[in-house]
Amino acid sequence: MILQTYTIVALIGLSALGVSLLAAAFWRPPSESLSAPDSWKKYRFGFTTYALIFVAFDMEMIFMYPWAVVFAEIGLKAFLDMLVFIALLSGGIAYAWGMGGLKWE
């Protein structure tokens, strides 16, 4: 029973990989540069960096409060889980910092 479940997951994964490789094989980069209209020239595409920083800090606070409440009951496993979680979020913050998202303008 479990083998059949994993077989379905594997087939879906292989199908997704095949479609991705097929799309990559037929993709051609644009040969000419596109010019943006004046309305788009005013838009700052750096917003995604600020959104990444917000999500990283927001998710950290949302999950750390309940974790702190049950930390004493769970023990070392809870500590290690939170350590991995904070490491992942710190990676996102470091990426945003590298892109210049933490510079004051």
PDB file of N, CA and C in Angstrom:
ATOM      1  N   MET A   1       0.834  -1.201   0.000  1.00  0.00           N
ATOM      2  CA  MET A   1       0.000   0.000   0.000  1.00  0.00           C
ATOM      3  C   MET A   1       0.867   1.247   0.000  1.00  0.00           C
ATOM      4  N   ILE A   2       1.886   1.261   0.859  1.00  0.00           N
ATOM      5  CA  ILE A   2       2.760   2.429   0.928  1.00  0.00           C
ATOM      6  C   ILE A   2       3.570   2.556  -0.356  1.00  0.00           C
ATOM      7  N   LEU A   3       3.986   1.415  -0.924  1.00  0.00           N
ATOM      8  CA  LEU A   3       4.758   1.448  -2.158  1.00  0.00           C
ATOM      9  C   LEU A   3       3.947   2.055  -3.295  1.00  0.00           C
ATOM     10  N   GLN A   4       2.644   1.764  -3.355  1.00  0.00           N
ATOM     11  CA  GLN A   4       1.793   2.344  -4.392  1.00  0.00           C
ATOM     12  C   GLN A   4       1.679   3.856  -4.225  1.00  0.00           C
ATOM     13  N   THR A   5       1.599   4.321  -2.998  1.00  0.00           N
ATOM     14  CA  THR A   5       1.505   5.759  -2.750  1.00  0.00           C
ATOM     15  C   THR A   5       2.772   6.461  -3.217  1.00  0.00           C
ATOM     16  N   TYR A   6       3.932   5.904  -2.870  1.00  0.00           N
ATOM     17  CA  TYR A   6       5.184   6.512  -3.293  1.00  0.00           C
ATOM     18  C   TYR A   6       5.388   6.399  -4.799  1.00  0.00           C
ATOM     19  N   THR A   7       4.838   5.365  -5.409  1.00  0.00           N
ATOM     20  CA  THR A   7       4.930   5.234  -6.860  1.00  0.00           C
ATOM     21  C   THR A   7       4.182   6.371  -7.541  1.00  0.00           C
ATOM     22  N   ILE A   8       3.022   6.711  -7.035  1.00  0.00           N
ATOM     23  CA  ILE A   8       2.254   7.822  -7.605  1.00  0.00           C
ATOM     24  C   ILE A   8       3.001   9.136  -7.438  1.00  0.00           C
ATOM     25  N   VAL A   9       3.566   9.360  -6.264  1.00  0.00           N
ATOM     26  CA  VAL A   9       4.342  10.578  -6.024  1.00  0.00           C
ATOM     27  C   VAL A   9       5.549  10.628  -6.949  1.00  0.00           C
ATOM     28  N   ALA A  10       6.224   9.504  -7.138  1.00  0.00           N
ATOM     29  CA  ALA A  10       7.384   9.457  -8.026  1.00  0.00           C
ATOM     30  C   ALA A  10       6.990   9.732  -9.472  1.00  0.00           C
ATOM     31  N   LEU A  11       5.866   9.192  -9.912  1.00  0.00           N
ATOM     32  CA  LEU A  11       5.402   9.446 -11.280  1.00  0.00           C
ATOM     33  C   LEU A  11       5.046  10.910 -11.490  1.00  0.00           C
ATOM     34  N   ILE A  12       4.418  11.516 -10.509  1.00  0.00           N
ATOM     35  CA  ILE A  12       4.094  12.938 -10.620  1.00  0.00           C
ATOM     36  C   ILE A  12       5.371  13.768 -10.656  1.00  0.00           C
ATOM     37  N   GLY A  13       6.345  13.416  -9.817  1.00  0.00           N
ATOM     38  CA  GLY A  13       7.624  14.124  -9.812  1.00  0.00           C
ATOM     39  C   GLY A  13       8.365  13.979 -11.132  1.00  0.00           C
ATOM     40  N   LEU A  14       8.377  12.759 -11.681  1.00  0.00           N
ATOM     41  CA  LEU A  14       9.034  12.553 -12.973  1.00  0.00           C
ATOM     42  C   LEU A  14       8.311  13.294 -14.090  1.00  0.00           C
ATOM     43  N   SER A  15       7.001  13.336 -14.031  1.00  0.00           N
ATOM     44  CA  SER A  15       6.237  14.086 -15.036  1.00  0.00           C
ATOM     45  C   SER A  15       6.558  15.570 -14.962  1.00  0.00           C
ATOM     46  N   ALA A  16       6.621  16.109 -13.767  1.00  0.00           N
ATOM     47  CA  ALA A  16       6.957  17.528 -13.604  1.00  0.00           C
ATOM     48  C   ALA A  16       8.370  17.807 -14.100  1.00  0.00           C
ATOM     49  N   LEU A  17       9.306  16.907 -13.799  1.00  0.00           N
ATOM     50  CA  LEU A  17      10.673  17.069 -14.277  1.00  0.00           C
ATOM     51  C   LEU A  17      10.734  17.004 -15.802  1.00  0.00           C
ATOM     52  N   GLY A  18       9.992  16.086 -16.388  1.00  0.00           N
ATOM     53  CA  GLY A  18       9.972  15.961 -17.843  1.00  0.00           C
ATOM     54  C   GLY A  18       9.409  17.193 -18.529  1.00  0.00           C
ATOM     55  N   VAL A  19       8.307  17.715 -17.991  1.00  0.00           N
ATOM     56  CA  VAL A  19       7.721  18.933 -18.566  1.00  0.00           C
ATOM     57  C   VAL A  19       8.683  20.104 -18.417  1.00  0.00           C
ATOM     58  N   SER A  20       9.371  20.192 -17.292  1.00  0.00           N
ATOM     59  CA  SER A  20      10.343  21.269 -17.079  1.00  0.00           C
ATOM     60  C   SER A  20      11.489  21.177 -18.076  1.00  0.00           C
ATOM     61  N   LEU A  21      12.014  19.986 -18.262  1.00  0.00           N
ATOM     62  CA  LEU A  21      13.114  19.810 -19.209  1.00  0.00           C
ATOM     63  C   LEU A  21      12.665  20.074 -20.644  1.00  0.00           C
ATOM     64  N   LEU A  22      11.455  19.683 -20.967  1.00  0.00           N
ATOM     65  CA  LEU A  22      10.920  19.949 -22.297  1.00  0.00           C
ATOM     66  C   LEU A  22      10.755  21.447 -22.536  1.00  0.00           C
ATOM     67  N   ALA A  23      10.248  22.153 -21.544  1.00  0.00           N
ATOM     68  CA  ALA A  23      10.099  23.601 -21.667  1.00  0.00           C
ATOM     69  C   ALA A  23      11.462  24.277 -21.776  1.00  0.00           C
ATOM     70  N   ALA A  24      12.446  23.792 -21.034  1.00  0.00           N
ATOM     71  CA  ALA A  24      13.787  24.371 -21.104  1.00  0.00           C
ATOM     72  C   ALA A  24      14.436  24.103 -22.460  1.00  0.00           C
ATOM     73  N   ALA A  25      14.126  22.966 -23.062  1.00  0.00           N
ATOM     74  CA  ALA A  25      14.704  22.632 -24.367  1.00  0.00           C
ATOM     75  C   ALA A  25      14.155  23.528 -25.471  1.00  0.00           C
ATOM     76  N   PHE A  26      12.898  23.906 -25.378  1.00  0.00           N
ATOM     77  CA  PHE A  26      12.282  24.715 -26.432  1.00  0.00           C
ATOM     78  C   PHE A  26      12.351  26.214 -26.171  1.00  0.00           C
ATOM     79  N   TRP A  27      12.839  26.616 -25.014  1.00  0.00           N
ATOM     80  CA  TRP A  27      12.890  28.040 -24.690  1.00  0.00           C
ATOM     81  C   TRP A  27      14.038  28.705 -25.408  1.00  0.00           C
ATOM     82  N   ARG A  28      13.753  29.857 -25.987  1.00  0.00           N
ATOM     83  CA  ARG A  28      14.782  30.664 -26.631  1.00  0.00           C
ATOM     84  C   ARG A  28      14.752  32.042 -26.013  1.00  0.00           C
ATOM     85  N   PRO A  29      15.901  32.574 -25.635  1.00  0.00           N
ATOM     86  CA  PRO A  29      15.911  33.916 -25.055  1.00  0.00           C
ATOM     87  C   PRO A  29      15.508  34.953 -26.105  1.00  0.00           C
ATOM     88  N   PRO A  30      14.889  36.036 -25.664  1.00  0.00           N
ATOM     89  CA  PRO A  30      14.486  37.061 -26.628  1.00  0.00           C
ATOM     90  C   PRO A  30      15.717  37.657 -27.310  1.00  0.00           C
ATOM     91  N   SER A  31      15.591  37.875 -28.617  1.00  0.00           N
ATOM     92  CA  SER A  31      16.730  38.371 -29.378  1.00  0.00           C
ATOM     93  C   SER A  31      16.826  39.889 -29.368  1.00  0.00           C
ATOM     94  N   GLU A  32      15.754  40.557 -29.050  1.00  0.00           N
ATOM     95  CA  GLU A  32      15.784  42.017 -29.019  1.00  0.00           C
ATOM     96  C   GLU A  32      15.416  42.502 -27.628  1.00  0.00           C
ATOM     97  N   SER A  33      15.919  43.653 -27.282  1.00  0.00           N
ATOM     98  CA  SER A  33      15.587  44.201 -25.969  1.00  0.00           C
ATOM     99  C   SER A  33      14.235  44.900 -26.032  1.00  0.00           C
ATOM    100  N   LEU A  34      13.512  44.794 -24.970  1.00  0.00           N
ATOM    101  CA  LEU A  34      12.192  45.398 -24.903  1.00  0.00           C
ATOM    102  C   LEU A  34      12.286  46.749 -24.213  1.00  0.00           C
ATOM    103  N   SER A  35      11.545  47.698 -24.698  1.00  0.00           N
ATOM    104  CA  SER A  35      11.512  49.006 -24.042  1.00  0.00           C
ATOM    105  C   SER A  35      10.228  49.108 -23.229  1.00  0.00           C
ATOM    106  N   ALA A  36      10.342  49.652 -22.053  1.00  0.00           N
ATOM    107  CA  ALA A  36       9.196  49.763 -21.151  1.00  0.00           C
ATOM    108  C   ALA A  36       8.504  51.106 -21.376  1.00  0.00           C
ATOM    109  N   PRO A  37       7.187  51.120 -21.254  1.00  0.00           N
ATOM    110  CA  PRO A  37       6.484  52.400 -21.339  1.00  0.00           C
ATOM    111  C   PRO A  37       6.861  53.307 -20.168  1.00  0.00           C
ATOM    112  N   ASP A  38       6.566  54.579 -20.290  1.00  0.00           N
ATOM    113  CA  ASP A  38       6.934  55.538 -19.258  1.00  0.00           C
ATOM    114  C   ASP A  38       6.330  55.204 -17.900  1.00  0.00           C
ATOM    115  N   SER A  39       5.133  54.644 -17.896  1.00  0.00           N
ATOM    116  CA  SER A  39       4.491  54.328 -16.620  1.00  0.00           C
ATOM    117  C   SER A  39       5.258  53.244 -15.861  1.00  0.00           C
ATOM    118  N   TRP A  40       5.889  52.318 -16.571  1.00  0.00           N
ATOM    119  CA  TRP A  40       6.641  51.258 -15.916  1.00  0.00           C
ATOM    120  C   TRP A  40       8.031  51.722 -15.496  1.00  0.00           C
ATOM    121  N   LYS A  41       8.552  52.757 -16.099  1.00  0.00           N
ATOM    122  CA  LYS A  41       9.880  53.236 -15.742  1.00  0.00           C
ATOM    123  C   LYS A  41       9.909  53.827 -14.343  1.00  0.00           C
ATOM    124  N   LYS A  42       8.777  54.295 -13.852  1.00  0.00           N
ATOM    125  CA  LYS A  42       8.698  54.886 -12.518  1.00  0.00           C
ATOM    126  C   LYS A  42       8.561  53.821 -11.432  1.00  0.00           C
ATOM    127  N   TYR A  43       8.162  52.613 -11.803  1.00  0.00           N
ATOM    128  CA  TYR A  43       7.927  51.548 -10.826  1.00  0.00           C
ATOM    129  C   TYR A  43       9.249  50.973 -10.354  1.00  0.00           C
ATOM    130  N   ARG A  44       9.405  50.846  -9.057  1.00  0.00           N
ATOM    131  CA  ARG A  44      10.614  50.262  -8.483  1.00  0.00           C
ATOM    132  C   ARG A  44      10.409  48.768  -8.284  1.00  0.00           C
ATOM    133  N   PHE A  45      11.226  47.975  -8.901  1.00  0.00           N
ATOM    134  CA  PHE A  45      11.108  46.532  -8.784  1.00  0.00           C
ATOM    135  C   PHE A  45      11.785  45.995  -7.531  1.00  0.00           C
ATOM    136  N   GLY A  46      12.344  46.860  -6.704  1.00  0.00           N
ATOM    137  CA  GLY A  46      12.964  46.437  -5.462  1.00  0.00           C
ATOM    138  C   GLY A  46      11.962  46.121  -4.361  1.00  0.00           C
ATOM    139  N   PHE A  47      10.680  46.255  -4.654  1.00  0.00           N
ATOM    140  CA  PHE A  47       9.656  45.968  -3.658  1.00  0.00           C
ATOM    141  C   PHE A  47       9.732  44.534  -3.157  1.00  0.00           C
ATOM    142  N   THR A  48      10.129  43.627  -4.018  1.00  0.00           N
ATOM    143  CA  THR A  48      10.192  42.221  -3.612  1.00  0.00           C
ATOM    144  C   THR A  48      11.207  42.007  -2.493  1.00  0.00           C
ATOM    145  N   THR A  49      12.257  42.805  -2.484  1.00  0.00           N
ATOM    146  CA  THR A  49      13.240  42.698  -1.411  1.00  0.00           C
ATOM    147  C   THR A  49      12.621  43.077  -0.076  1.00  0.00           C
ATOM    148  N   TYR A  50      11.844  44.159  -0.066  1.00  0.00           N
ATOM    149  CA  TYR A  50      11.181  44.574   1.173  1.00  0.00           C
ATOM    150  C   TYR A  50      10.128  43.554   1.607  1.00  0.00           C
ATOM    151  N   ALA A  51       9.446  42.961   0.647  1.00  0.00           N
ATOM    152  CA  ALA A  51       8.457  41.933   0.976  1.00  0.00           C
ATOM    153  C   ALA A  51       9.136  40.714   1.594  1.00  0.00           C
ATOM    154  N   LEU A  52      10.303  40.351   1.077  1.00  0.00           N
ATOM    155  CA  LEU A  52      11.047  39.217   1.622  1.00  0.00           C
ATOM    156  C   LEU A  52      11.461  39.478   3.063  1.00  0.00           C
ATOM    157  N   ILE A  53      11.925  40.685   3.337  1.00  0.00           N
ATOM    158  CA  ILE A  53      12.326  41.034   4.702  1.00  0.00           C
ATOM    159  C   ILE A  53      11.115  40.995   5.635  1.00  0.00           C
ATOM    160  N   PHE A  54       9.985  41.540   5.189  1.00  0.00           N
ATOM    161  CA  PHE A  54       8.780  41.535   6.018  1.00  0.00           C
ATOM    162  C   PHE A  54       8.332  40.114   6.333  1.00  0.00           C
ATOM    163  N   VAL A  55       8.287  39.270   5.331  1.00  0.00           N
ATOM    164  CA  VAL A  55       7.839  37.891   5.548  1.00  0.00           C
ATOM    165  C   VAL A  55       8.787  37.163   6.496  1.00  0.00           C
ATOM    166  N   ALA A  56      10.085  37.385   6.344  1.00  0.00           N
ATOM    167  CA  ALA A  56      11.047  36.705   7.215  1.00  0.00           C
ATOM    168  C   ALA A  56      10.841  37.100   8.670  1.00  0.00           C
ATOM    169  N   PHE A  57      10.733  38.397   8.951  1.00  0.00           N
ATOM    170  CA  PHE A  57      10.555  38.827  10.339  1.00  0.00           C
ATOM    171  C   PHE A  57       9.167  38.469  10.861  1.00  0.00           C
ATOM    172  N   ASP A  58       8.161  38.569  10.011  1.00  0.00           N
ATOM    173  CA  ASP A  58       6.794  38.282  10.431  1.00  0.00           C
ATOM    174  C   ASP A  58       6.623  36.803  10.761  1.00  0.00           C
ATOM    175  N   MET A  59       7.100  35.924   9.916  1.00  0.00           N
ATOM    176  CA  MET A  59       6.975  34.494  10.170  1.00  0.00           C
ATOM    177  C   MET A  59       7.774  34.084  11.405  1.00  0.00           C
ATOM    178  N   GLU A  60       8.892  34.732  11.611  1.00  0.00           N
ATOM    179  CA  GLU A  60       9.693  34.408  12.787  1.00  0.00           C
ATOM    180  C   GLU A  60       8.917  34.707  14.063  1.00  0.00           C
ATOM    181  N   MET A  61       8.280  35.840  14.125  1.00  0.00           N
ATOM    182  CA  MET A  61       7.532  36.209  15.331  1.00  0.00           C
ATOM    183  C   MET A  61       6.262  35.377  15.485  1.00  0.00           C
ATOM    184  N   ILE A  62       5.605  35.054  14.387  1.00  0.00           N
ATOM    185  CA  ILE A  62       4.370  34.266  14.469  1.00  0.00           C
ATOM    186  C   ILE A  62       4.645  32.874  15.031  1.00  0.00           C
ATOM    187  N   PHE A  63       5.751  32.256  14.643  1.00  0.00           N
ATOM    188  CA  PHE A  63       6.032  30.900  15.076  1.00  0.00           C
ATOM    189  C   PHE A  63       6.830  30.823  16.372  1.00  0.00           C
ATOM    190  N   MET A  64       7.512  31.892  16.743  1.00  0.00           N
ATOM    191  CA  MET A  64       8.317  31.820  17.958  1.00  0.00           C
ATOM    192  C   MET A  64       7.485  31.938  19.232  1.00  0.00           C
ATOM    193  N   TYR A  65       6.373  32.641  19.207  1.00  0.00           N
ATOM    194  CA  TYR A  65       5.569  32.772  20.425  1.00  0.00           C
ATOM    195  C   TYR A  65       4.977  31.428  20.861  1.00  0.00           C
ATOM    196  N   PRO A  66       4.274  30.693  19.987  1.00  0.00           N
ATOM    197  CA  PRO A  66       3.767  29.387  20.435  1.00  0.00           C
ATOM    198  C   PRO A  66       4.893  28.416  20.795  1.00  0.00           C
ATOM    199  N   TRP A  67       6.012  28.522  20.096  1.00  0.00           N
ATOM    200  CA  TRP A  67       7.152  27.659  20.406  1.00  0.00           C
ATOM    201  C   TRP A  67       7.665  27.935  21.816  1.00  0.00           C
ATOM    202  N   ALA A  68       7.727  29.204  22.191  1.00  0.00           N
ATOM    203  CA  ALA A  68       8.202  29.555  23.528  1.00  0.00           C
ATOM    204  C   ALA A  68       7.261  29.045  24.602  1.00  0.00           C
ATOM    205  N   VAL A  69       5.975  28.959  24.307  1.00  0.00           N
ATOM    206  CA  VAL A  69       5.004  28.486  25.288  1.00  0.00           C
ATOM    207  C   VAL A  69       5.189  26.997  25.572  1.00  0.00           C
ATOM    208  N   VAL A  70       5.471  26.200  24.546  1.00  0.00           N
ATOM    209  CA  VAL A  70       5.572  24.745  24.731  1.00  0.00           C
ATOM    210  C   VAL A  70       7.014  24.253  24.770  1.00  0.00           C
ATOM    211  N   PHE A  71       7.979  25.149  24.772  1.00  0.00           N
ATOM    212  CA  PHE A  71       9.388  24.744  24.713  1.00  0.00           C
ATOM    213  C   PHE A  71       9.784  23.846  25.883  1.00  0.00           C
ATOM    214  N   ALA A  72       9.349  24.184  27.085  1.00  0.00           N
ATOM    215  CA  ALA A  72       9.739  23.412  28.272  1.00  0.00           C
ATOM    216  C   ALA A  72       9.201  21.982  28.217  1.00  0.00           C
ATOM    217  N   GLU A  73       8.049  21.794  27.600  1.00  0.00           N
ATOM    218  CA  GLU A  73       7.463  20.454  27.529  1.00  0.00           C
ATOM    219  C   GLU A  73       8.166  19.579  26.499  1.00  0.00           C
ATOM    220  N   ILE A  74       8.569  20.160  25.383  1.00  0.00           N
ATOM    221  CA  ILE A  74       9.144  19.362  24.299  1.00  0.00           C
ATOM    222  C   ILE A  74      10.637  19.145  24.492  1.00  0.00           C
ATOM    223  N   GLY A  75      11.366  20.174  24.890  1.00  0.00           N
ATOM    224  CA  GLY A  75      12.782  20.020  25.202  1.00  0.00           C
ATOM    225  C   GLY A  75      13.718  20.259  24.032  1.00  0.00           C
ATOM    226  N   LEU A  76      14.712  19.391  23.905  1.00  0.00           N
ATOM    227  CA  LEU A  76      15.785  19.579  22.929  1.00  0.00           C
ATOM    228  C   LEU A  76      15.291  19.520  21.488  1.00  0.00           C
ATOM    229  N   LYS A  77      14.324  18.677  21.225  1.00  0.00           N
ATOM    230  CA  LYS A  77      13.786  18.580  19.864  1.00  0.00           C
ATOM    231  C   LYS A  77      13.192  19.906  19.417  1.00  0.00           C
ATOM    232  N   ALA A  78      12.487  20.581  20.304  1.00  0.00           N
ATOM    233  CA  ALA A  78      11.914  21.886  19.969  1.00  0.00           C
ATOM    234  C   ALA A  78      13.012  22.909  19.716  1.00  0.00           C
ATOM    235  N   PHE A  79      14.071  22.843  20.490  1.00  0.00           N
ATOM    236  CA  PHE A  79      15.183  23.769  20.303  1.00  0.00           C
ATOM    237  C   PHE A  79      15.837  23.570  18.939  1.00  0.00           C
ATOM    238  N   LEU A  80      16.082  22.324  18.567  1.00  0.00           N
ATOM    239  CA  LEU A  80      16.713  22.042  17.279  1.00  0.00           C
ATOM    240  C   LEU A  80      15.811  22.424  16.109  1.00  0.00           C
ATOM    241  N   ASP A  81      14.507  22.172  16.246  1.00  0.00           N
ATOM    242  CA  ASP A  81      13.570  22.571  15.194  1.00  0.00           C
ATOM    243  C   ASP A  81      13.570  24.085  15.007  1.00  0.00           C
ATOM    244  N   MET A  82      13.562  24.826  16.095  1.00  0.00           N
ATOM    245  CA  MET A  82      13.569  26.283  15.992  1.00  0.00           C
ATOM    246  C   MET A  82      14.905  26.784  15.467  1.00  0.00           C
ATOM    247  N   LEU A  83      15.985  26.101  15.796  1.00  0.00           N
ATOM    248  CA  LEU A  83      17.289  26.486  15.284  1.00  0.00           C
ATOM    249  C   LEU A  83      17.336  26.374  13.755  1.00  0.00           C
ATOM    250  N   VAL A  84      16.782  25.297  13.220  1.00  0.00           N
ATOM    251  CA  VAL A  84      16.715  25.136  11.759  1.00  0.00           C
ATOM    252  C   VAL A  84      15.817  26.212  11.154  1.00  0.00           C
ATOM    253  N   PHE A  85      14.695  26.484  11.768  1.00  0.00           N
ATOM    254  CA  PHE A  85      13.763  27.498  11.282  1.00  0.00           C
ATOM    255  C   PHE A  85      14.417  28.876  11.241  1.00  0.00           C
ATOM    256  N   ILE A  86      15.106  29.237  12.303  1.00  0.00           N
ATOM    257  CA  ILE A  86      15.769  30.542  12.351  1.00  0.00           C
ATOM    258  C   ILE A  86      16.916  30.593  11.343  1.00  0.00           C
ATOM    259  N   ALA A  87      17.597  29.488  11.120  1.00  0.00           N
ATOM    260  CA  ALA A  87      18.679  29.460  10.128  1.00  0.00           C
ATOM    261  C   ALA A  87      18.127  29.714   8.725  1.00  0.00           C
ATOM    262  N   LEU A  88      16.976  29.119   8.410  1.00  0.00           N
ATOM    263  CA  LEU A  88      16.366  29.347   7.099  1.00  0.00           C
ATOM    264  C   LEU A  88      15.935  30.801   6.927  1.00  0.00           C
ATOM    265  N   LEU A  89      15.316  31.358   7.953  1.00  0.00           N
ATOM    266  CA  LEU A  89      14.900  32.757   7.860  1.00  0.00           C
ATOM    267  C   LEU A  89      16.097  33.695   7.824  1.00  0.00           C
ATOM    268  N   SER A  90      17.143  33.357   8.532  1.00  0.00           N
ATOM    269  CA  SER A  90      18.356  34.174   8.493  1.00  0.00           C
ATOM    270  C   SER A  90      18.976  34.152   7.103  1.00  0.00           C
ATOM    271  N   GLY A  91      18.858  33.028   6.418  1.00  0.00           N
ATOM    272  CA  GLY A  91      19.327  32.963   5.032  1.00  0.00           C
ATOM    273  C   GLY A  91      18.555  33.916   4.136  1.00  0.00           C
ATOM    274  N   GLY A  92      17.254  34.008   4.339  1.00  0.00           N
ATOM    275  CA  GLY A  92      16.446  34.961   3.566  1.00  0.00           C
ATOM    276  C   GLY A  92      16.809  36.398   3.869  1.00  0.00           C
ATOM    277  N   ILE A  93      17.058  36.687   5.133  1.00  0.00           N
ATOM    278  CA  ILE A  93      17.443  38.048   5.521  1.00  0.00           C
ATOM    279  C   ILE A  93      18.828  38.378   4.963  1.00  0.00           C
ATOM    280  N   ALA A  94      19.746  37.413   4.993  1.00  0.00           N
ATOM    281  CA  ALA A  94      21.086  37.644   4.440  1.00  0.00           C
ATOM    282  C   ALA A  94      21.017  37.889   2.937  1.00  0.00           C
ATOM    283  N   TYR A  95      20.133  37.176   2.259  1.00  0.00           N
ATOM    284  CA  TYR A  95      19.951  37.385   0.819  1.00  0.00           C
ATOM    285  C   TYR A  95      19.418  38.788   0.541  1.00  0.00           C
ATOM    286  N   ALA A  96      18.431  39.209   1.326  1.00  0.00           N
ATOM    287  CA  ALA A  96      17.878  40.552   1.155  1.00  0.00           C
ATOM    288  C   ALA A  96      18.929  41.611   1.480  1.00  0.00           C
ATOM    289  N   TRP A  97      19.744  41.362   2.473  1.00  0.00           N
ATOM    290  CA  TRP A  97      20.810  42.287   2.829  1.00  0.00           C
ATOM    291  C   TRP A  97      21.818  42.401   1.685  1.00  0.00           C
ATOM    292  N   GLY A  98      22.150  41.264   1.087  1.00  0.00           N
ATOM    293  CA  GLY A  98      23.074  41.260  -0.044  1.00  0.00           C
ATOM    294  C   GLY A  98      22.526  41.993  -1.249  1.00  0.00           C
ATOM    295  N   MET A  99      21.208  41.985  -1.416  1.00  0.00           N
ATOM    296  CA  MET A  99      20.598  42.711  -2.530  1.00  0.00           C
ATOM    297  C   MET A  99      20.472  44.197  -2.241  1.00  0.00           C
ATOM    298  N   GLY A 100      20.800  44.601  -1.025  1.00  0.00           N
ATOM    299  CA  GLY A 100      20.729  46.022  -0.673  1.00  0.00           C
ATOM    300  C   GLY A 100      19.393  46.433  -0.108  1.00  0.00           C
ATOM    301  N   GLY A 101      18.621  45.498   0.376  1.00  0.00           N
ATOM    302  CA  GLY A 101      17.300  45.798   0.899  1.00  0.00           C
ATOM    303  C   GLY A 101      17.299  46.458   2.267  1.00  0.00           C
ATOM    304  N   LEU A 102      18.415  46.409   2.978  1.00  0.00           N
ATOM    305  CA  LEU A 102      18.469  46.988   4.309  1.00  0.00           C
ATOM    306  C   LEU A 102      19.175  48.355   4.326  1.00  0.00           C
ATOM    307  N   LYS A 103      19.461  48.902   3.161  1.00  0.00           N
ATOM    308  CA  LYS A 103      20.090  50.220   3.089  1.00  0.00           C
ATOM    309  C   LYS A 103      19.043  51.302   3.206  1.00  0.00           C
ATOM    310  N   TRP A 104      19.340  52.294   4.019  1.00  0.00           N
ATOM    311  CA  TRP A 104      18.417  53.411   4.187  1.00  0.00           C
ATOM    312  C   TRP A 104      18.558  54.373   3.025  1.00  0.00           C
ATOM    313  N   GLU A 105      17.414  54.711   2.429  1.00  0.00           N
ATOM    314  CA  GLU A 105      17.463  55.624   1.268  1.00  0.00           C
ATOM    315  C   GLU A 105      16.964  56.989   1.632  1.00  0.00           C
TER     316      GLU A 105
END
